N, C-alpha and C. Protein backbone atom coordinates (compact mmCIF):
# COMPACT_ATOMS: atom_id res chain seq x y z
N UNK A 1 16.81 -26.84 9.78
CA UNK A 1 17.66 -26.42 8.35
C UNK A 1 16.70 -26.75 7.46
N UNK A 2 16.62 -25.32 6.54
CA UNK A 2 15.69 -25.75 5.39
C UNK A 2 16.31 -26.35 4.11
N UNK A 3 15.56 -27.12 3.24
CA UNK A 3 16.36 -27.44 1.93
C UNK A 3 16.00 -26.58 0.91
N UNK A 4 15.18 -25.61 1.17
CA UNK A 4 14.88 -24.55 -0.02
C UNK A 4 13.76 -23.84 0.36
N UNK A 5 13.52 -22.92 -0.38
CA UNK A 5 12.29 -21.97 -0.48
C UNK A 5 11.81 -21.61 -1.98
N UNK A 6 10.67 -21.79 -2.10
CA UNK A 6 9.91 -21.60 -3.12
C UNK A 6 9.22 -20.39 -3.05
N UNK A 7 9.45 -19.21 -3.83
CA UNK A 7 9.13 -17.90 -3.56
C UNK A 7 8.22 -17.62 -4.75
N UNK A 8 7.07 -17.02 -4.45
CA UNK A 8 6.04 -16.60 -5.45
C UNK A 8 5.59 -15.29 -5.11
N UNK A 9 5.51 -14.36 -6.01
CA UNK A 9 4.90 -12.96 -6.16
C UNK A 9 3.44 -13.13 -6.69
N UNK A 10 2.35 -12.66 -5.90
CA UNK A 10 0.99 -12.65 -6.48
C UNK A 10 0.31 -11.57 -6.41
N UNK A 11 -0.45 -10.96 -7.38
CA UNK A 11 -1.30 -9.95 -7.17
C UNK A 11 -2.74 -10.04 -6.54
N UNK A 12 -2.41 -10.05 -5.50
CA UNK A 12 -3.87 -10.19 -4.70
C UNK A 12 -3.77 -9.28 -3.36
N UNK A 13 -4.86 -9.20 -2.88
CA UNK A 13 -4.75 -8.91 -1.62
C UNK A 13 -4.62 -9.83 -0.31
N UNK A 14 -4.56 -9.24 1.12
CA UNK A 14 -4.03 -10.12 2.04
C UNK A 14 -5.09 -11.34 2.21
N UNK A 15 -6.43 -10.77 2.25
CA UNK A 15 -7.47 -11.59 2.72
C UNK A 15 -7.43 -12.87 1.75
N UNK A 16 -7.25 -12.59 0.14
CA UNK A 16 -7.18 -13.81 -0.91
C UNK A 16 -5.89 -14.48 -0.43
N UNK A 17 -4.73 -13.98 -0.04
CA UNK A 17 -3.52 -14.69 0.23
C UNK A 17 -4.01 -15.71 1.36
N UNK A 18 -4.36 -14.98 2.46
CA UNK A 18 -4.85 -15.96 3.62
C UNK A 18 -5.53 -17.08 3.10
N UNK A 19 -6.61 -17.09 2.34
CA UNK A 19 -7.57 -17.90 1.82
C UNK A 19 -6.86 -19.03 0.91
N UNK A 20 -5.60 -18.60 0.24
CA UNK A 20 -4.76 -19.63 -0.38
C UNK A 20 -3.96 -20.10 0.37
N UNK A 21 -3.39 -19.62 1.45
CA UNK A 21 -2.65 -20.42 2.78
C UNK A 21 -3.50 -21.64 3.25
N UNK A 22 -4.84 -21.30 3.24
CA UNK A 22 -5.67 -22.22 4.28
C UNK A 22 -6.12 -23.21 3.04
N UNK A 23 -5.89 -22.90 1.99
CA UNK A 23 -6.15 -23.90 0.82
C UNK A 23 -5.14 -24.75 0.67
N UNK A 24 -4.18 -24.73 0.68
CA UNK A 24 -2.66 -25.18 0.74
C UNK A 24 -2.68 -26.24 1.90
N UNK A 25 -2.75 -25.46 3.13
CA UNK A 25 -2.55 -26.34 4.27
C UNK A 25 -3.58 -27.37 4.39
N UNK A 26 -4.89 -27.09 3.76
CA UNK A 26 -5.84 -28.11 3.52
C UNK A 26 -5.30 -29.28 2.75
N UNK A 27 -4.85 -28.87 1.49
CA UNK A 27 -4.42 -29.78 0.63
C UNK A 27 -3.36 -30.67 1.16
N UNK A 28 -2.59 -30.17 1.70
CA UNK A 28 -1.01 -30.96 2.13
C UNK A 28 -1.43 -31.47 3.74
N UNK A 29 -2.72 -31.43 4.20
CA UNK A 29 -3.22 -31.81 5.42
C UNK A 29 -2.27 -31.66 6.47
N UNK A 30 -2.18 -30.12 6.45
CA UNK A 30 -1.34 -29.39 7.48
C UNK A 30 -1.90 -28.50 8.37
N UNK A 31 -1.64 -28.36 9.90
CA UNK A 31 -2.56 -27.47 10.71
C UNK A 31 -1.49 -26.39 11.36
N UNK A 32 -1.97 -25.31 11.48
CA UNK A 32 -1.16 -24.24 12.15
C UNK A 32 -0.74 -24.56 13.47
N UNK A 33 -1.50 -25.17 14.41
CA UNK A 33 -0.95 -25.58 15.34
C UNK A 33 -0.03 -26.56 15.69
N UNK A 34 0.93 -26.02 16.51
CA UNK A 34 2.42 -26.84 16.78
C UNK A 34 1.93 -28.01 17.51
N UNK A 35 2.18 -29.26 17.04
CA UNK A 35 1.68 -30.48 17.66
C UNK A 35 2.38 -30.55 19.22
N UNK A 36 3.71 -29.93 19.43
CA UNK A 36 4.26 -29.88 20.31
C UNK A 36 3.96 -29.23 21.66
N UNK A 37 3.60 -27.84 21.35
CA UNK A 37 2.89 -26.96 22.16
C UNK A 37 1.28 -26.82 22.15
N UNK A 38 0.76 -27.04 21.17
CA UNK A 38 -0.64 -26.99 21.11
C UNK A 38 -1.09 -25.72 20.96
N UNK A 39 -0.31 -24.72 20.39
CA UNK A 39 -0.58 -23.33 20.01
C UNK A 39 -0.19 -22.97 18.53
N UNK A 40 -0.66 -21.76 18.08
CA UNK A 40 -0.20 -21.35 16.61
C UNK A 40 0.64 -20.43 17.19
N UNK A 41 2.02 -20.65 16.47
CA UNK A 41 3.33 -19.95 16.83
C UNK A 41 3.72 -19.24 15.50
N UNK A 42 4.16 -18.04 15.37
CA UNK A 42 4.55 -17.26 14.72
C UNK A 42 5.47 -16.25 15.03
N UNK A 43 6.11 -15.74 13.73
CA UNK A 43 7.16 -14.73 13.88
C UNK A 43 6.83 -13.28 13.16
N UNK A 44 6.82 -12.23 13.85
CA UNK A 44 6.81 -10.93 13.41
C UNK A 44 7.87 -10.27 12.52
N UNK A 45 7.75 -8.99 12.05
CA UNK A 45 8.38 -8.72 11.14
C UNK A 45 9.89 -8.12 11.84
N UNK A 46 9.82 -8.46 13.39
CA UNK A 46 11.47 -8.04 14.09
C UNK A 46 11.77 -9.34 14.30
N UNK A 47 11.07 -10.62 14.05
CA UNK A 47 11.84 -11.68 14.41
C UNK A 47 11.49 -12.34 15.53
N UNK A 48 10.68 -11.76 16.41
CA UNK A 48 10.26 -12.32 17.56
C UNK A 48 8.93 -13.22 17.62
N UNK A 49 8.95 -14.42 18.35
CA UNK A 49 8.06 -15.06 18.31
C UNK A 49 6.72 -14.60 18.83
N UNK A 50 5.54 -14.88 18.31
CA UNK A 50 4.35 -14.33 18.77
C UNK A 50 3.45 -15.79 18.81
N UNK A 51 2.31 -15.77 19.85
CA UNK A 51 1.44 -16.76 19.73
C UNK A 51 0.11 -16.10 18.91
N UNK A 52 -0.53 -16.78 18.10
CA UNK A 52 -1.79 -16.64 17.55
C UNK A 52 -2.95 -17.07 18.32
N UNK A 53 -4.21 -16.57 18.27
CA UNK A 53 -5.28 -16.89 18.96
C UNK A 53 -6.06 -17.91 17.68
N UNK A 54 -6.09 -17.19 16.28
CA UNK A 54 -6.42 -17.73 15.39
C UNK A 54 -5.67 -17.41 14.12
N UNK A 55 -6.05 -18.24 12.78
CA UNK A 55 -5.52 -17.57 11.67
C UNK A 55 -6.50 -16.76 11.07
N UNK A 56 -6.37 -15.46 11.09
CA UNK A 56 -7.10 -14.79 10.37
C UNK A 56 -6.22 -13.20 10.18
N UNK A 57 -6.71 -12.72 9.00
CA UNK A 57 -6.10 -11.43 8.59
C UNK A 57 -5.97 -10.41 9.57
N UNK A 58 -6.96 -10.15 10.60
CA UNK A 58 -6.75 -9.35 11.61
C UNK A 58 -5.87 -9.64 12.58
N UNK A 59 -5.66 -10.91 13.12
CA UNK A 59 -4.63 -11.05 13.90
C UNK A 59 -3.32 -11.40 13.20
N UNK A 60 -3.20 -11.68 12.17
CA UNK A 60 -1.68 -11.67 11.44
C UNK A 60 -1.34 -10.20 11.18
N UNK A 61 -2.38 -9.45 10.76
CA UNK A 61 -1.75 -7.92 10.60
C UNK A 61 -1.68 -7.21 12.10
N UNK A 62 -2.39 -7.38 12.91
CA UNK A 62 -2.43 -6.67 13.85
C UNK A 62 -1.17 -6.71 14.77
N UNK A 63 -0.72 -8.42 14.70
CA UNK A 63 0.63 -8.93 15.30
C UNK A 63 1.62 -8.62 14.30
N UNK A 64 1.60 -7.93 13.32
CA UNK A 64 2.68 -7.77 12.27
C UNK A 64 3.39 -9.14 12.02
N UNK A 65 2.58 -10.09 11.91
CA UNK A 65 3.00 -11.55 11.59
C UNK A 65 4.00 -11.50 10.24
N UNK A 66 4.88 -12.09 10.28
CA UNK A 66 5.72 -12.09 8.81
C UNK A 66 5.84 -13.59 8.33
N UNK A 67 5.70 -14.72 9.31
CA UNK A 67 5.91 -15.99 8.90
C UNK A 67 5.26 -16.91 10.26
N UNK A 68 4.65 -18.23 9.60
CA UNK A 68 4.03 -19.20 10.57
C UNK A 68 4.49 -20.53 9.98
N UNK A 69 4.37 -21.50 10.77
CA UNK A 69 4.79 -22.74 10.41
C UNK A 69 3.47 -23.51 10.28
N UNK A 70 3.48 -24.43 9.50
CA UNK A 70 2.18 -25.37 9.28
C UNK A 70 2.78 -26.67 9.63
N UNK A 71 2.02 -27.63 10.63
CA UNK A 71 2.49 -28.85 10.87
C UNK A 71 1.86 -30.07 10.24
N UNK A 72 2.59 -31.14 9.95
CA UNK A 72 1.67 -32.15 9.66
C UNK A 72 1.75 -33.44 10.87
N UNK A 73 1.00 -34.48 10.76
CA UNK A 73 0.97 -35.50 11.89
C UNK A 73 2.16 -35.97 12.14
N UNK A 74 3.03 -36.10 11.45
CA UNK A 74 4.56 -36.95 11.70
C UNK A 74 5.47 -35.57 12.38
N UNK A 75 5.13 -34.58 12.34
CA UNK A 75 5.99 -33.31 12.91
C UNK A 75 6.98 -32.68 11.92
N UNK A 76 6.55 -32.93 10.55
CA UNK A 76 7.04 -32.33 9.56
C UNK A 76 6.44 -30.94 9.28
N UNK A 77 7.09 -29.74 8.93
CA UNK A 77 6.37 -28.56 8.82
C UNK A 77 6.91 -27.84 7.58
N UNK A 78 6.16 -26.76 7.16
CA UNK A 78 6.37 -26.02 6.22
C UNK A 78 6.29 -24.74 6.74
N UNK A 79 7.25 -23.88 6.57
CA UNK A 79 7.19 -22.40 6.81
C UNK A 79 6.91 -21.58 5.57
N UNK A 80 5.90 -20.64 6.21
CA UNK A 80 5.28 -19.74 4.88
C UNK A 80 5.70 -18.30 5.75
N UNK A 81 6.24 -17.46 4.48
CA UNK A 81 6.37 -16.31 5.03
C UNK A 81 5.89 -15.37 3.81
N UNK A 82 5.61 -13.89 4.23
CA UNK A 82 5.15 -13.04 3.28
C UNK A 82 5.62 -11.73 3.69
N UNK A 83 5.73 -11.08 2.47
CA UNK A 83 6.04 -9.61 2.57
C UNK A 83 5.21 -8.67 1.49
N UNK A 84 4.92 -7.49 1.67
CA UNK A 84 4.41 -6.85 0.50
C UNK A 84 5.46 -6.33 -0.20
N UNK A 85 5.51 -6.18 -1.65
CA UNK A 85 6.67 -5.62 -2.36
C UNK A 85 6.03 -4.88 -3.41
N UNK A 86 6.02 -3.34 -3.29
CA UNK A 86 5.39 -2.67 -4.14
C UNK A 86 3.88 -2.93 -3.76
N UNK A 87 3.15 -3.23 -4.90
CA UNK A 87 1.57 -3.62 -4.64
C UNK A 87 1.10 -5.04 -4.74
N UNK A 88 2.31 -5.97 -4.39
CA UNK A 88 2.18 -7.60 -4.63
C UNK A 88 2.65 -7.80 -3.57
N UNK A 89 2.13 -9.29 -2.94
CA UNK A 89 2.59 -9.93 -2.12
C UNK A 89 3.49 -10.97 -2.63
N UNK A 90 4.66 -11.07 -1.70
CA UNK A 90 5.43 -12.21 -2.05
C UNK A 90 5.34 -13.22 -1.08
N UNK A 91 5.27 -14.42 -1.42
CA UNK A 91 5.21 -15.72 -0.64
C UNK A 91 6.60 -16.46 -0.44
N UNK A 92 6.91 -16.96 0.40
CA UNK A 92 7.93 -18.00 0.60
C UNK A 92 7.37 -19.32 1.42
N UNK A 93 7.71 -20.18 0.59
CA UNK A 93 7.42 -21.54 1.27
C UNK A 93 8.88 -22.43 1.47
N UNK A 94 9.07 -22.88 2.75
CA UNK A 94 10.41 -23.31 3.21
C UNK A 94 10.25 -24.76 3.72
N UNK A 95 10.75 -25.73 3.28
CA UNK A 95 10.53 -26.95 3.92
C UNK A 95 11.75 -27.62 4.59
N UNK A 96 11.78 -28.00 5.66
CA UNK A 96 12.83 -28.53 6.48
C UNK A 96 13.37 -29.81 6.08
N UNK A 97 12.32 -30.77 5.29
CA UNK A 97 12.66 -32.09 5.08
C UNK A 97 11.79 -32.45 4.82
N UNK A 98 12.05 -33.68 3.79
CA UNK A 98 10.95 -34.13 3.05
C UNK A 98 10.94 -34.14 1.48
N UNK A 99 12.44 -34.02 1.12
CA UNK A 99 12.80 -34.26 -0.27
C UNK A 99 11.81 -33.60 -1.10
N UNK A 100 11.35 -32.03 -0.75
CA UNK A 100 10.50 -31.12 -1.72
C UNK A 100 9.43 -31.65 -1.72
N UNK A 101 8.88 -32.55 -1.27
CA UNK A 101 7.53 -33.10 -1.61
C UNK A 101 6.45 -32.18 -1.40
N UNK A 102 6.62 -31.38 -0.29
CA UNK A 102 5.75 -30.24 0.28
C UNK A 102 5.36 -29.03 -0.91
N UNK A 103 6.89 -28.85 -1.22
CA UNK A 103 6.95 -27.72 -2.05
C UNK A 103 6.49 -28.08 -3.58
N UNK A 104 6.46 -29.20 -4.01
CA UNK A 104 6.17 -29.69 -5.59
C UNK A 104 4.66 -29.27 -5.28
N UNK A 105 3.90 -29.96 -4.18
CA UNK A 105 2.28 -29.93 -4.16
C UNK A 105 2.06 -28.47 -3.86
N UNK A 106 2.84 -27.41 -3.37
CA UNK A 106 2.46 -25.90 -3.39
C UNK A 106 2.59 -25.47 -4.66
N UNK A 107 3.62 -25.77 -5.36
CA UNK A 107 3.93 -25.47 -6.93
C UNK A 107 2.60 -25.64 -7.69
N UNK A 108 2.31 -27.36 -7.62
CA UNK A 108 1.18 -27.52 -8.44
C UNK A 108 -0.23 -26.78 -8.04
N UNK A 109 -0.48 -26.63 -6.60
CA UNK A 109 -1.45 -25.79 -6.45
C UNK A 109 -1.65 -24.45 -7.04
N UNK A 110 -0.56 -23.75 -6.98
CA UNK A 110 -0.43 -22.49 -7.51
C UNK A 110 -0.26 -22.26 -9.01
N UNK A 111 0.28 -23.30 -9.85
CA UNK A 111 0.08 -23.28 -11.27
C UNK A 111 -1.29 -23.63 -11.76
N UNK A 112 -1.96 -24.76 -11.03
CA UNK A 112 -3.50 -24.51 -11.39
C UNK A 112 -4.11 -23.54 -11.28
N UNK A 113 -3.99 -23.00 -10.01
CA UNK A 113 -4.95 -21.63 -10.03
C UNK A 113 -4.18 -20.79 -11.16
N UNK A 114 -3.01 -20.53 -11.18
CA UNK A 114 -2.77 -19.37 -12.48
C UNK A 114 -3.58 -20.03 -13.77
N UNK A 115 -3.26 -21.30 -13.95
CA UNK A 115 -4.06 -21.65 -15.32
C UNK A 115 -5.77 -21.60 -15.36
N UNK A 116 -6.28 -21.28 -14.38
CA UNK A 116 -7.62 -21.21 -14.16
C UNK A 116 -8.13 -20.02 -14.05
N UNK A 117 -7.58 -18.95 -13.98
CA UNK A 117 -7.68 -17.71 -13.78
C UNK A 117 -7.18 -16.67 -14.94
N UNK A 118 -7.94 -15.60 -15.30
CA UNK A 118 -7.21 -14.88 -16.40
C UNK A 118 -6.23 -13.78 -15.58
N UNK A 119 -5.21 -14.39 -15.43
CA UNK A 119 -4.11 -13.26 -15.13
C UNK A 119 -3.37 -12.27 -16.13
N UNK A 120 -3.24 -11.38 -15.89
CA UNK A 120 -2.83 -10.33 -16.83
C UNK A 120 -1.74 -9.87 -16.54
N UNK A 121 -0.93 -9.24 -17.28
CA UNK A 121 0.17 -8.46 -16.67
C UNK A 121 0.10 -6.86 -16.55
N UNK A 122 1.06 -6.36 -15.37
CA UNK A 122 0.99 -4.99 -14.89
C UNK A 122 1.94 -4.47 -15.20
N UNK A 123 1.89 -3.30 -15.87
CA UNK A 123 3.34 -2.50 -16.44
C UNK A 123 4.19 -3.35 -17.15
N UNK A 124 3.49 -4.18 -17.91
CA UNK A 124 4.57 -5.09 -18.88
C UNK A 124 5.22 -6.08 -17.90
N UNK A 125 4.80 -6.31 -16.85
CA UNK A 125 5.47 -7.19 -15.87
C UNK A 125 4.83 -8.48 -15.36
N UNK A 126 5.16 -9.62 -15.56
CA UNK A 126 4.53 -10.80 -15.29
C UNK A 126 3.87 -10.44 -13.75
N UNK A 127 2.50 -10.89 -13.48
CA UNK A 127 1.79 -10.66 -12.17
C UNK A 127 2.35 -11.85 -11.13
N UNK A 128 2.45 -13.06 -11.88
CA UNK A 128 2.67 -14.11 -11.05
C UNK A 128 4.01 -14.64 -11.26
N UNK A 129 5.01 -14.38 -10.33
CA UNK A 129 6.56 -14.95 -10.49
C UNK A 129 7.04 -16.02 -9.59
N UNK A 130 7.48 -17.27 -9.99
CA UNK A 130 7.99 -17.95 -9.34
C UNK A 130 9.43 -18.09 -9.36
N UNK A 131 10.24 -18.44 -8.01
CA UNK A 131 11.67 -18.59 -8.04
C UNK A 131 12.01 -19.59 -7.04
N UNK A 132 13.20 -20.03 -7.00
CA UNK A 132 13.47 -21.06 -6.05
C UNK A 132 14.97 -20.51 -5.45
N UNK A 133 15.03 -20.53 -4.13
CA UNK A 133 15.89 -19.75 -3.64
C UNK A 133 16.89 -21.27 -2.89
């Protein structure tokens, strides 16, 4: 059971989105390999579990992956999901336990990224939107 989902809409291509996921997982010392199974497990757009050989854009797009779990050494996980909404990617970060500690760090990473890059508006809409579900 998740305690909440931080949802972010970002104006970038999928390769850049994947770079952000790798940076966030490194920052939080999370690995995509499930410690119980020793494999990268993800879920496709139909909700079926799929095994990945690597964490790459080709692998994720080819298998139509929509979400993946990242794990830390004590077995806590952060579920990351994504979808294309118009021309923008929407990312969701869900934490099952940990009193929002991982979500706070994800928010901090993205807030710093936003403050260091010249984001503009598109069609008078903000290009980076944060929400909490």
